[in-house]
Amino acid sequence: MTLNDADLGREYTIDSVETGGDEEMESFLFSLGCYSGEKITVVDRKRNLVVAIKDGRYNIDPELASAIKI
């Protein structure tokens, strides 16, 4: 399942990041700490998702969230 399907407040482990060959998106997600084996939590969901990765919180859109498999 993708991050778009995640329950609020539940910690997940990232299985993979599948960007369809979009190197810019892959590089951006990697810079946030989104890579296989990393823990991620959706802390809020409105128009976009607010996620907690390591010690940071980030606002990501549904397109980016769909590339993150949990």
C-alpha atoms as a PDB file:
ATOM      1  CA  MET A   1       0.000   0.000   0.000  1.00  0.00           C
ATOM      2  CA  THR A   2       1.079   3.600  -0.400  1.00  0.00           C
ATOM      3  CA  LEU A   3       1.431   6.370   2.130  1.00  0.00           C
ATOM      4  CA  ASN A   4      -1.917   7.759   0.917  1.00  0.00           C
ATOM      5  CA  ASP A   5      -3.570   4.705   2.535  1.00  0.00           C
ATOM      6  CA  ALA A   6      -1.835   5.090   5.914  1.00  0.00           C
ATOM      7  CA  ASP A   7      -3.723   5.565   9.172  1.00  0.00           C
ATOM      8  CA  LEU A   8      -3.108   8.789  11.079  1.00  0.00           C
ATOM      9  CA  GLY A   9      -0.668   8.463  13.957  1.00  0.00           C
ATOM     10  CA  ARG A  10       0.501   4.942  13.121  1.00  0.00           C
ATOM     11  CA  GLU A  11       4.210   4.362  12.480  1.00  0.00           C
ATOM     12  CA  TYR A  12       5.071   2.495   9.277  1.00  0.00           C
ATOM     13  CA  THR A  13       8.294   1.280   7.712  1.00  0.00           C
ATOM     14  CA  ILE A  14       8.996   2.359   4.152  1.00  0.00           C
ATOM     15  CA  ASP A  15       9.247  -0.713   1.902  1.00  0.00           C
ATOM     16  CA  SER A  16      10.299   1.159  -1.214  1.00  0.00           C
ATOM     17  CA  VAL A  17      10.120   4.436  -3.092  1.00  0.00           C
ATOM     18  CA  GLU A  18       8.826   3.980  -6.633  1.00  0.00           C
ATOM     19  CA  THR A  19       9.049   7.176  -8.666  1.00  0.00           C
ATOM     20  CA  GLY A  20       8.756   5.644 -12.112  1.00  0.00           C
ATOM     21  CA  GLY A  21      12.224   6.823 -13.065  1.00  0.00           C
ATOM     22  CA  ASP A  22      11.684  10.451 -11.982  1.00  0.00           C
ATOM     23  CA  GLU A  23      15.163  11.160 -10.624  1.00  0.00           C
ATOM     24  CA  GLU A  24      14.237  14.621  -9.337  1.00  0.00           C
ATOM     25  CA  MET A  25      11.365  13.212  -7.246  1.00  0.00           C
ATOM     26  CA  GLU A  26      13.533  10.351  -6.011  1.00  0.00           C
ATOM     27  CA  SER A  27      16.305  12.752  -5.002  1.00  0.00           C
ATOM     28  CA  PHE A  28      13.835  15.039  -3.212  1.00  0.00           C
ATOM     29  CA  LEU A  29      12.258  12.188  -1.244  1.00  0.00           C
ATOM     30  CA  PHE A  30      15.711  10.836  -0.340  1.00  0.00           C
ATOM     31  CA  SER A  31      16.694  14.292   0.963  1.00  0.00           C
ATOM     32  CA  LEU A  32      13.679  14.138   3.310  1.00  0.00           C
ATOM     33  CA  GLY A  33      14.785  10.745   4.590  1.00  0.00           C
ATOM     34  CA  CYS A  34      12.286   8.679   2.584  1.00  0.00           C
ATOM     35  CA  TYR A  35      14.099   5.459   1.753  1.00  0.00           C
ATOM     36  CA  SER A  36      13.641   1.764   2.330  1.00  0.00           C
ATOM     37  CA  GLY A  37      13.713   0.758   5.982  1.00  0.00           C
ATOM     38  CA  GLU A  38      13.047   4.230   7.397  1.00  0.00           C
ATOM     39  CA  LYS A  39      10.151   4.838   9.818  1.00  0.00           C
ATOM     40  CA  ILE A  40       7.391   7.263   8.751  1.00  0.00           C
ATOM     41  CA  THR A  41       4.196   8.486  10.398  1.00  0.00           C
ATOM     42  CA  VAL A  42       1.306  10.476   8.892  1.00  0.00           C
ATOM     43  CA  VAL A  43       0.485  13.085  11.551  1.00  0.00           C
ATOM     44  CA  ASP A  44      -2.145  15.086   9.650  1.00  0.00           C
ATOM     45  CA  ARG A  45      -4.121  14.800   6.449  1.00  0.00           C
ATOM     46  CA  LYS A  46      -5.947  17.666   4.815  1.00  0.00           C
ATOM     47  CA  ARG A  47      -5.235  18.600   1.212  1.00  0.00           C
ATOM     48  CA  ASN A  48      -1.699  17.267   1.622  1.00  0.00           C
ATOM     49  CA  LEU A  49      -0.132  14.896   4.123  1.00  0.00           C
ATOM     50  CA  VAL A  50       2.022  16.003   7.028  1.00  0.00           C
ATOM     51  CA  VAL A  51       4.520  13.251   7.768  1.00  0.00           C
ATOM     52  CA  ALA A  52       7.091  12.740  10.487  1.00  0.00           C
ATOM     53  CA  ILE A  53      10.405  11.276   9.364  1.00  0.00           C
ATOM     54  CA  LYS A  54      13.277  11.091  11.840  1.00  0.00           C
ATOM     55  CA  ASP A  55      13.214  14.435  13.701  1.00  0.00           C
ATOM     56  CA  GLY A  56      11.374  16.436  11.034  1.00  0.00           C
ATOM     57  CA  ARG A  57       7.856  17.052   9.800  1.00  0.00           C
ATOM     58  CA  TYR A  58       7.168  17.578   6.129  1.00  0.00           C
ATOM     59  CA  ASN A  59       4.165  18.499   4.022  1.00  0.00           C
ATOM     60  CA  ILE A  60       3.926  16.284   0.938  1.00  0.00           C
ATOM     61  CA  ASP A  61       1.322  16.147  -1.788  1.00  0.00           C
ATOM     62  CA  PRO A  62      -0.641  13.014  -2.763  1.00  0.00           C
ATOM     63  CA  GLU A  63       1.571  12.437  -5.839  1.00  0.00           C
ATOM     64  CA  LEU A  64       4.686  12.160  -3.675  1.00  0.00           C
ATOM     65  CA  ALA A  65       2.810  10.064  -1.107  1.00  0.00           C
ATOM     66  CA  SER A  66       1.769   7.611  -3.820  1.00  0.00           C
ATOM     67  CA  ALA A  67       5.440   6.921  -4.601  1.00  0.00           C
ATOM     68  CA  ILE A  68       6.122   5.835  -1.010  1.00  0.00           C
ATOM     69  CA  LYS A  69       5.250   2.167  -0.452  1.00  0.00           C
ATOM     70  CA  ILE A  70       4.733   1.042   3.134  1.00  0.00           C
END
